[in-house]
């Protein structure tokens, strides 16, 4: 069973994510700021990996006239997003699935946070291309996820830093050890250089790093006009 379909894990998702992602709320606020640089006041926003609803809630509070299409493969996580949004959920429509389940758009902007690190390189590239295809010319795209050197000792050093931050935030040692083991075995992490190259290959331009927090990196890029 995936952790995103395990009811107990889903119920703890928000609290756990806040512990292990440095500056999580600020990441969401920066995302809203960067998208708003080009998105209109009544923008239609695509959010890929919207389960849980944390970024959706921050974006909806920051921009009261934006409307959202949220996509996630987990029905349980989409339900959690609806609960967390409360009255704001009326401004969002949800689609269970992957990028192929997203509406065609075109969207004024898009975001994908803490999601792409689950996808192998070629599937990640195809997902980025499909996001690009659904955007209006000039639209911004914000993406953030695990991205760090992924070879041998470098990999171990960065994972140790990730675990140490979690420990400082109250994550039990056994849980951190299990997370590191799972990341080494199953998470297809790319280096920041590889991630930026995929964004360019998918068609995005003027790519800028705006967030760097231990193993997490975030970029903003644009669909050319």
C-alpha atoms as a PDB file:
ATOM      1  CA  UNK A   1       0.000   0.000   0.000  1.00  0.00           C
ATOM      2  CA  UNK A   2       1.339   3.444  -0.911  1.00  0.00           C
ATOM      3  CA  UNK A   3       1.780   5.832   2.016  1.00  0.00           C
ATOM      4  CA  UNK A   4      -0.512   8.211   0.150  1.00  0.00           C
ATOM      5  CA  UNK A   5      -3.361   5.705   0.318  1.00  0.00           C
ATOM      6  CA  UNK A   6      -2.724   4.612   3.917  1.00  0.00           C
ATOM      7  CA  UNK A   7      -5.374   6.440   6.016  1.00  0.00           C
ATOM      8  CA  UNK A   8      -3.061   6.787   9.019  1.00  0.00           C
ATOM      9  CA  UNK A   9      -0.206   8.209   6.934  1.00  0.00           C
ATOM     10  CA  UNK A  10      -2.561  10.568   5.115  1.00  0.00           C
ATOM     11  CA  UNK A  11      -3.938  11.900   8.405  1.00  0.00           C
ATOM     12  CA  UNK A  12      -0.390  12.746   9.535  1.00  0.00           C
ATOM     13  CA  UNK A  13       0.781  14.119   6.193  1.00  0.00           C
ATOM     14  CA  UNK A  14       0.511  17.844   6.922  1.00  0.00           C
ATOM     15  CA  UNK A  15       2.268  17.726  10.298  1.00  0.00           C
ATOM     16  CA  UNK A  16       5.041  15.461   9.016  1.00  0.00           C
ATOM     17  CA  UNK A  17       5.680  17.522   5.882  1.00  0.00           C
ATOM     18  CA  UNK A  18       5.971  20.698   7.926  1.00  0.00           C
ATOM     19  CA  UNK A  19       8.680  19.001   9.992  1.00  0.00           C
ATOM     20  CA  UNK A  20      10.853  17.731   7.154  1.00  0.00           C
ATOM     21  CA  UNK A  21      10.665  20.518   4.549  1.00  0.00           C
ATOM     22  CA  UNK A  22      12.593  23.621   5.645  1.00  0.00           C
ATOM     23  CA  UNK A  23      10.583  26.819   5.277  1.00  0.00           C
ATOM     24  CA  UNK A  24       7.544  25.034   3.860  1.00  0.00           C
ATOM     25  CA  UNK A  25       5.041  27.855   4.382  1.00  0.00           C
ATOM     26  CA  UNK A  26       7.518  30.346   2.987  1.00  0.00           C
ATOM     27  CA  UNK A  27       7.954  28.091  -0.047  1.00  0.00           C
ATOM     28  CA  UNK A  28       4.199  28.262  -0.604  1.00  0.00           C
ATOM     29  CA  UNK A  29       4.185  32.040  -0.181  1.00  0.00           C
ATOM     30  CA  UNK A  30       7.111  32.465  -2.586  1.00  0.00           C
ATOM     31  CA  UNK A  31       5.256  30.299  -5.076  1.00  0.00           C
ATOM     32  CA  UNK A  32       2.251  32.620  -4.876  1.00  0.00           C
ATOM     33  CA  UNK A  33       4.482  35.661  -5.300  1.00  0.00           C
ATOM     34  CA  UNK A  34       6.309  34.272  -8.343  1.00  0.00           C
ATOM     35  CA  UNK A  35       3.135  33.104 -10.070  1.00  0.00           C
ATOM     36  CA  UNK A  36       1.486  36.486  -9.473  1.00  0.00           C
ATOM     37  CA  UNK A  37       4.286  38.307 -11.281  1.00  0.00           C
ATOM     38  CA  UNK A  38       2.678  37.212 -14.561  1.00  0.00           C
ATOM     39  CA  UNK A  39      -0.659  35.618 -13.714  1.00  0.00           C
ATOM     40  CA  UNK A  40      -3.715  37.928 -13.835  1.00  0.00           C
ATOM     41  CA  UNK A  41      -5.842  38.730 -10.811  1.00  0.00           C
ATOM     42  CA  UNK A  42      -8.483  36.216 -11.950  1.00  0.00           C
ATOM     43  CA  UNK A  43      -5.983  33.545 -13.017  1.00  0.00           C
ATOM     44  CA  UNK A  44      -6.687  29.891 -13.607  1.00  0.00           C
ATOM     45  CA  UNK A  45      -3.915  27.871 -11.951  1.00  0.00           C
ATOM     46  CA  UNK A  46      -2.886  24.239 -12.490  1.00  0.00           C
ATOM     47  CA  UNK A  47      -1.499  22.532  -9.371  1.00  0.00           C
ATOM     48  CA  UNK A  48       0.061  19.140  -9.970  1.00  0.00           C
ATOM     49  CA  UNK A  49       0.437  16.967  -6.867  1.00  0.00           C
ATOM     50  CA  UNK A  50      -2.292  18.923  -5.084  1.00  0.00           C
ATOM     51  CA  UNK A  51      -3.117  16.260  -2.494  1.00  0.00           C
ATOM     52  CA  UNK A  52      -3.133  17.573   1.050  1.00  0.00           C
ATOM     53  CA  UNK A  53      -4.038  21.047  -0.144  1.00  0.00           C
ATOM     54  CA  UNK A  54      -1.343  22.947   1.738  1.00  0.00           C
ATOM     55  CA  UNK A  55      -0.103  25.027  -1.183  1.00  0.00           C
ATOM     56  CA  UNK A  56      -3.642  25.402  -2.513  1.00  0.00           C
ATOM     57  CA  UNK A  57      -4.775  26.935   0.771  1.00  0.00           C
ATOM     58  CA  UNK A  58      -1.916  29.443   0.870  1.00  0.00           C
ATOM     59  CA  UNK A  59      -2.384  30.418  -2.785  1.00  0.00           C
ATOM     60  CA  UNK A  60      -6.146  30.768  -2.369  1.00  0.00           C
ATOM     61  CA  UNK A  61      -5.699  32.985   0.692  1.00  0.00           C
ATOM     62  CA  UNK A  62      -3.109  35.148  -1.067  1.00  0.00           C
ATOM     63  CA  UNK A  63      -5.135  35.574  -4.265  1.00  0.00           C
ATOM     64  CA  UNK A  64      -8.896  35.588  -3.603  1.00  0.00           C
ATOM     65  CA  UNK A  65      -9.901  35.607  -7.293  1.00  0.00           C
ATOM     66  CA  UNK A  66      -7.709  32.773  -8.503  1.00  0.00           C
ATOM     67  CA  UNK A  67      -9.314  29.446  -9.373  1.00  0.00           C
ATOM     68  CA  UNK A  68      -7.510  26.119  -9.287  1.00  0.00           C
ATOM     69  CA  UNK A  69      -7.398  22.743 -10.982  1.00  0.00           C
ATOM     70  CA  UNK A  70      -5.698  20.304  -8.614  1.00  0.00           C
ATOM     71  CA  UNK A  71      -4.393  16.928  -9.795  1.00  0.00           C
ATOM     72  CA  UNK A  72      -3.209  14.024  -7.628  1.00  0.00           C
ATOM     73  CA  UNK A  73      -3.219  10.214  -8.020  1.00  0.00           C
ATOM     74  CA  UNK A  74      -4.463   9.623  -4.458  1.00  0.00           C
ATOM     75  CA  UNK A  75      -8.185   9.937  -3.743  1.00  0.00           C
ATOM     76  CA  UNK A  76      -7.409  10.011  -0.016  1.00  0.00           C
ATOM     77  CA  UNK A  77      -5.008  12.927  -0.435  1.00  0.00           C
ATOM     78  CA  UNK A  78      -7.515  14.841  -2.562  1.00  0.00           C
ATOM     79  CA  UNK A  79     -10.101  14.348   0.161  1.00  0.00           C
ATOM     80  CA  UNK A  80      -7.601  15.732   2.674  1.00  0.00           C
ATOM     81  CA  UNK A  81      -7.100  18.751   0.399  1.00  0.00           C
ATOM     82  CA  UNK A  82     -10.849  19.397   0.368  1.00  0.00           C
ATOM     83  CA  UNK A  83     -10.992  19.182   4.155  1.00  0.00           C
ATOM     84  CA  UNK A  84      -7.987  21.466   4.643  1.00  0.00           C
ATOM     85  CA  UNK A  85      -9.336  24.063   2.208  1.00  0.00           C
ATOM     86  CA  UNK A  86     -12.699  24.296   3.953  1.00  0.00           C
ATOM     87  CA  UNK A  87     -14.795  27.061   2.389  1.00  0.00           C
ATOM     88  CA  UNK A  88     -11.985  27.795  -0.079  1.00  0.00           C
ATOM     89  CA  UNK A  89     -12.618  24.414  -1.741  1.00  0.00           C
ATOM     90  CA  UNK A  90     -15.392  26.013  -3.814  1.00  0.00           C
ATOM     91  CA  UNK A  91     -12.644  27.667  -5.888  1.00  0.00           C
ATOM     92  CA  UNK A  92     -10.918  24.384  -6.731  1.00  0.00           C
ATOM     93  CA  UNK A  93     -11.781  21.421  -8.909  1.00  0.00           C
ATOM     94  CA  UNK A  94      -9.972  18.141  -8.324  1.00  0.00           C
ATOM     95  CA  UNK A  95      -8.870  15.438 -10.740  1.00  0.00           C
ATOM     96  CA  UNK A  96      -7.679  12.037  -9.562  1.00  0.00           C
ATOM     97  CA  UNK A  97      -4.756  10.846 -11.642  1.00  0.00           C
ATOM     98  CA  UNK A  98      -1.561  12.112 -13.214  1.00  0.00           C
ATOM     99  CA  UNK A  99      -0.867  14.914 -15.675  1.00  0.00           C
ATOM    100  CA  UNK A 100      -2.952  13.207 -18.376  1.00  0.00           C
ATOM    101  CA  UNK A 101      -5.975  13.645 -16.079  1.00  0.00           C
ATOM    102  CA  UNK A 102      -5.496  17.430 -15.963  1.00  0.00           C
ATOM    103  CA  UNK A 103      -7.751  19.701 -18.003  1.00  0.00           C
ATOM    104  CA  UNK A 104      -6.284  20.944 -21.258  1.00  0.00           C
ATOM    105  CA  UNK A 105      -6.300  24.577 -20.105  1.00  0.00           C
ATOM    106  CA  UNK A 106      -4.770  26.809 -21.219  1.00  0.00           C
ATOM    107  CA  UNK A 107      -3.734  27.887 -17.720  1.00  0.00           C
ATOM    108  CA  UNK A 108      -2.310  31.224 -16.632  1.00  0.00           C
ATOM    109  CA  UNK A 109       0.269  29.521 -14.386  1.00  0.00           C
ATOM    110  CA  UNK A 110       1.172  26.175 -12.834  1.00  0.00           C
ATOM    111  CA  UNK A 111       2.900  24.778  -9.768  1.00  0.00           C
ATOM    112  CA  UNK A 112       4.222  21.348  -8.828  1.00  0.00           C
ATOM    113  CA  UNK A 113       5.604  21.095  -5.297  1.00  0.00           C
ATOM    114  CA  UNK A 114       7.149  18.067  -3.567  1.00  0.00           C
ATOM    115  CA  UNK A 115       6.019  15.755  -6.354  1.00  0.00           C
ATOM    116  CA  UNK A 116       8.402  15.331  -9.291  1.00  0.00           C
ATOM    117  CA  UNK A 117      11.067  13.552  -7.231  1.00  0.00           C
ATOM    118  CA  UNK A 118       8.792  10.473  -7.291  1.00  0.00           C
ATOM    119  CA  UNK A 119       9.040  10.185 -11.093  1.00  0.00           C
ATOM    120  CA  UNK A 120      11.842   8.533 -13.090  1.00  0.00           C
ATOM    121  CA  UNK A 121      13.712  10.847 -15.460  1.00  0.00           C
ATOM    122  CA  UNK A 122      11.828  10.136 -18.681  1.00  0.00           C
ATOM    123  CA  UNK A 123       8.436  10.156 -16.990  1.00  0.00           C
ATOM    124  CA  UNK A 124       9.418  13.413 -15.298  1.00  0.00           C
ATOM    125  CA  UNK A 125      10.343  14.940 -18.662  1.00  0.00           C
ATOM    126  CA  UNK A 126       7.050  13.854 -20.206  1.00  0.00           C
ATOM    127  CA  UNK A 127       5.151  15.347 -17.261  1.00  0.00           C
ATOM    128  CA  UNK A 128       6.992  18.656 -17.661  1.00  0.00           C
ATOM    129  CA  UNK A 129       6.175  18.693 -21.383  1.00  0.00           C
ATOM    130  CA  UNK A 130       2.498  18.115 -20.639  1.00  0.00           C
ATOM    131  CA  UNK A 131       2.471  20.962 -18.097  1.00  0.00           C
ATOM    132  CA  UNK A 132       4.178  23.211 -20.675  1.00  0.00           C
ATOM    133  CA  UNK A 133       1.574  22.277 -23.283  1.00  0.00           C
ATOM    134  CA  UNK A 134      -1.274  23.320 -20.973  1.00  0.00           C
ATOM    135  CA  UNK A 135       0.120  26.791 -20.254  1.00  0.00           C
ATOM    136  CA  UNK A 136      -0.548  30.061 -22.025  1.00  0.00           C
ATOM    137  CA  UNK A 137       2.459  31.721 -23.711  1.00  0.00           C
ATOM    138  CA  UNK A 138       4.447  33.648 -21.115  1.00  0.00           C
ATOM    139  CA  UNK A 139       2.935  31.714 -18.188  1.00  0.00           C
ATOM    140  CA  UNK A 140       5.114  30.920 -15.160  1.00  0.00           C
ATOM    141  CA  UNK A 141       5.712  27.473 -13.741  1.00  0.00           C
ATOM    142  CA  UNK A 142       7.035  26.885 -10.205  1.00  0.00           C
ATOM    143  CA  UNK A 143       8.487  23.508  -9.273  1.00  0.00           C
ATOM    144  CA  UNK A 144      10.191  22.341  -6.061  1.00  0.00           C
ATOM    145  CA  UNK A 145      11.246  18.902  -4.830  1.00  0.00           C
ATOM    146  CA  UNK A 146      14.207  16.816  -3.641  1.00  0.00           C
ATOM    147  CA  UNK A 147      17.164  17.627  -5.884  1.00  0.00           C
ATOM    148  CA  UNK A 148      20.741  17.041  -4.750  1.00  0.00           C
ATOM    149  CA  UNK A 149      23.967  15.290  -5.801  1.00  0.00           C
ATOM    150  CA  UNK A 150      23.047  11.658  -6.196  1.00  0.00           C
ATOM    151  CA  UNK A 151      26.345   9.766  -6.406  1.00  0.00           C
ATOM    152  CA  UNK A 152      27.872   7.625  -3.649  1.00  0.00           C
ATOM    153  CA  UNK A 153      29.305   9.686  -0.787  1.00  0.00           C
ATOM    154  CA  UNK A 154      27.594  12.864  -1.931  1.00  0.00           C
ATOM    155  CA  UNK A 155      24.240  11.105  -1.797  1.00  0.00           C
ATOM    156  CA  UNK A 156      24.915   9.793   1.700  1.00  0.00           C
ATOM    157  CA  UNK A 157      26.064  13.210   2.933  1.00  0.00           C
ATOM    158  CA  UNK A 158      22.937  14.978   1.719  1.00  0.00           C
ATOM    159  CA  UNK A 159      20.623  12.305   3.087  1.00  0.00           C
ATOM    160  CA  UNK A 160      22.351  12.591   6.462  1.00  0.00           C
ATOM    161  CA  UNK A 161      21.692  16.328   6.434  1.00  0.00           C
ATOM    162  CA  UNK A 162      18.042  15.690   5.578  1.00  0.00           C
ATOM    163  CA  UNK A 163      17.759  13.268   8.498  1.00  0.00           C
ATOM    164  CA  UNK A 164      19.515  15.660  10.881  1.00  0.00           C
ATOM    165  CA  UNK A 165      17.062  18.430  10.050  1.00  0.00           C
ATOM    166  CA  UNK A 166      14.150  16.085  10.641  1.00  0.00           C
ATOM    167  CA  UNK A 167      15.599  15.080  14.002  1.00  0.00           C
ATOM    168  CA  UNK A 168      15.877  18.730  15.044  1.00  0.00           C
ATOM    169  CA  UNK A 169      12.209  19.122  14.104  1.00  0.00           C
ATOM    170  CA  UNK A 170      11.126  16.179  16.224  1.00  0.00           C
ATOM    171  CA  UNK A 171      11.086  13.316  13.719  1.00  0.00           C
ATOM    172  CA  UNK A 172      11.918  10.048  15.562  1.00  0.00           C
ATOM    173  CA  UNK A 173      15.285   8.513  14.650  1.00  0.00           C
ATOM    174  CA  UNK A 174      13.702   5.248  13.491  1.00  0.00           C
ATOM    175  CA  UNK A 175      11.399   7.139  11.132  1.00  0.00           C
ATOM    176  CA  UNK A 176      14.325   9.118   9.693  1.00  0.00           C
ATOM    177  CA  UNK A 177      16.312   5.913   9.160  1.00  0.00           C
ATOM    178  CA  UNK A 178      13.376   4.316   7.340  1.00  0.00           C
ATOM    179  CA  UNK A 179      12.959   7.422   5.188  1.00  0.00           C
ATOM    180  CA  UNK A 180      16.621   7.417   4.167  1.00  0.00           C
ATOM    181  CA  UNK A 181      16.483   3.717   3.316  1.00  0.00           C
ATOM    182  CA  UNK A 182      13.350   4.229   1.201  1.00  0.00           C
ATOM    183  CA  UNK A 183      14.820   7.271  -0.568  1.00  0.00           C
ATOM    184  CA  UNK A 184      17.999   5.382  -1.469  1.00  0.00           C
ATOM    185  CA  UNK A 185      16.078   2.377  -2.742  1.00  0.00           C
ATOM    186  CA  UNK A 186      13.084   3.935  -4.481  1.00  0.00           C
ATOM    187  CA  UNK A 187      13.382   7.697  -4.999  1.00  0.00           C
ATOM    188  CA  UNK A 188      14.802   8.549  -8.458  1.00  0.00           C
ATOM    189  CA  UNK A 189      16.512  11.746  -7.280  1.00  0.00           C
ATOM    190  CA  UNK A 190      18.242  13.890  -9.889  1.00  0.00           C
ATOM    191  CA  UNK A 191      20.924  16.492  -9.323  1.00  0.00           C
ATOM    192  CA  UNK A 192      20.002  20.198  -9.631  1.00  0.00           C
ATOM    193  CA  UNK A 193      21.891  20.322 -12.942  1.00  0.00           C
ATOM    194  CA  UNK A 194      19.837  17.415 -14.286  1.00  0.00           C
ATOM    195  CA  UNK A 195      16.571  18.965 -13.100  1.00  0.00           C
ATOM    196  CA  UNK A 196      17.339  22.289 -14.767  1.00  0.00           C
ATOM    197  CA  UNK A 197      18.282  20.491 -17.984  1.00  0.00           C
ATOM    198  CA  UNK A 198      14.912  18.686 -17.996  1.00  0.00           C
ATOM    199  CA  UNK A 199      13.056  21.977 -17.562  1.00  0.00           C
ATOM    200  CA  UNK A 200      14.905  23.400 -20.567  1.00  0.00           C
ATOM    201  CA  UNK A 201      14.327  20.253 -22.621  1.00  0.00           C
ATOM    202  CA  UNK A 202      10.607  20.436 -21.840  1.00  0.00           C
ATOM    203  CA  UNK A 203      10.510  23.941 -23.323  1.00  0.00           C
ATOM    204  CA  UNK A 204      10.753  26.291 -20.330  1.00  0.00           C
ATOM    205  CA  UNK A 205      12.997  29.354 -20.559  1.00  0.00           C
ATOM    206  CA  UNK A 206      14.524  31.935 -18.207  1.00  0.00           C
ATOM    207  CA  UNK A 207      14.796  29.272 -15.496  1.00  0.00           C
ATOM    208  CA  UNK A 208      15.821  30.644 -12.096  1.00  0.00           C
ATOM    209  CA  UNK A 209      16.603  28.925  -8.807  1.00  0.00           C
ATOM    210  CA  UNK A 210      14.636  30.651  -6.041  1.00  0.00           C
ATOM    211  CA  UNK A 211      14.617  28.089  -3.211  1.00  0.00           C
ATOM    212  CA  UNK A 212      17.438  25.974  -1.824  1.00  0.00           C
ATOM    213  CA  UNK A 213      16.871  24.205   1.498  1.00  0.00           C
ATOM    214  CA  UNK A 214      19.207  21.259   2.105  1.00  0.00           C
ATOM    215  CA  UNK A 215      17.955  18.459  -0.181  1.00  0.00           C
ATOM    216  CA  UNK A 216      15.099  20.549  -1.603  1.00  0.00           C
ATOM    217  CA  UNK A 217      15.434  22.926  -4.553  1.00  0.00           C
ATOM    218  CA  UNK A 218      12.869  25.107  -6.317  1.00  0.00           C
ATOM    219  CA  UNK A 219      12.834  26.847  -9.690  1.00  0.00           C
ATOM    220  CA  UNK A 220      10.619  29.173 -11.660  1.00  0.00           C
ATOM    221  CA  UNK A 221      10.530  28.969 -15.442  1.00  0.00           C
ATOM    222  CA  UNK A 222       8.339  30.347 -18.213  1.00  0.00           C
ATOM    223  CA  UNK A 223       6.677  29.203 -21.388  1.00  0.00           C
ATOM    224  CA  UNK A 224       8.116  31.400 -24.138  1.00  0.00           C
ATOM    225  CA  UNK A 225       5.794  33.947 -25.720  1.00  0.00           C
END
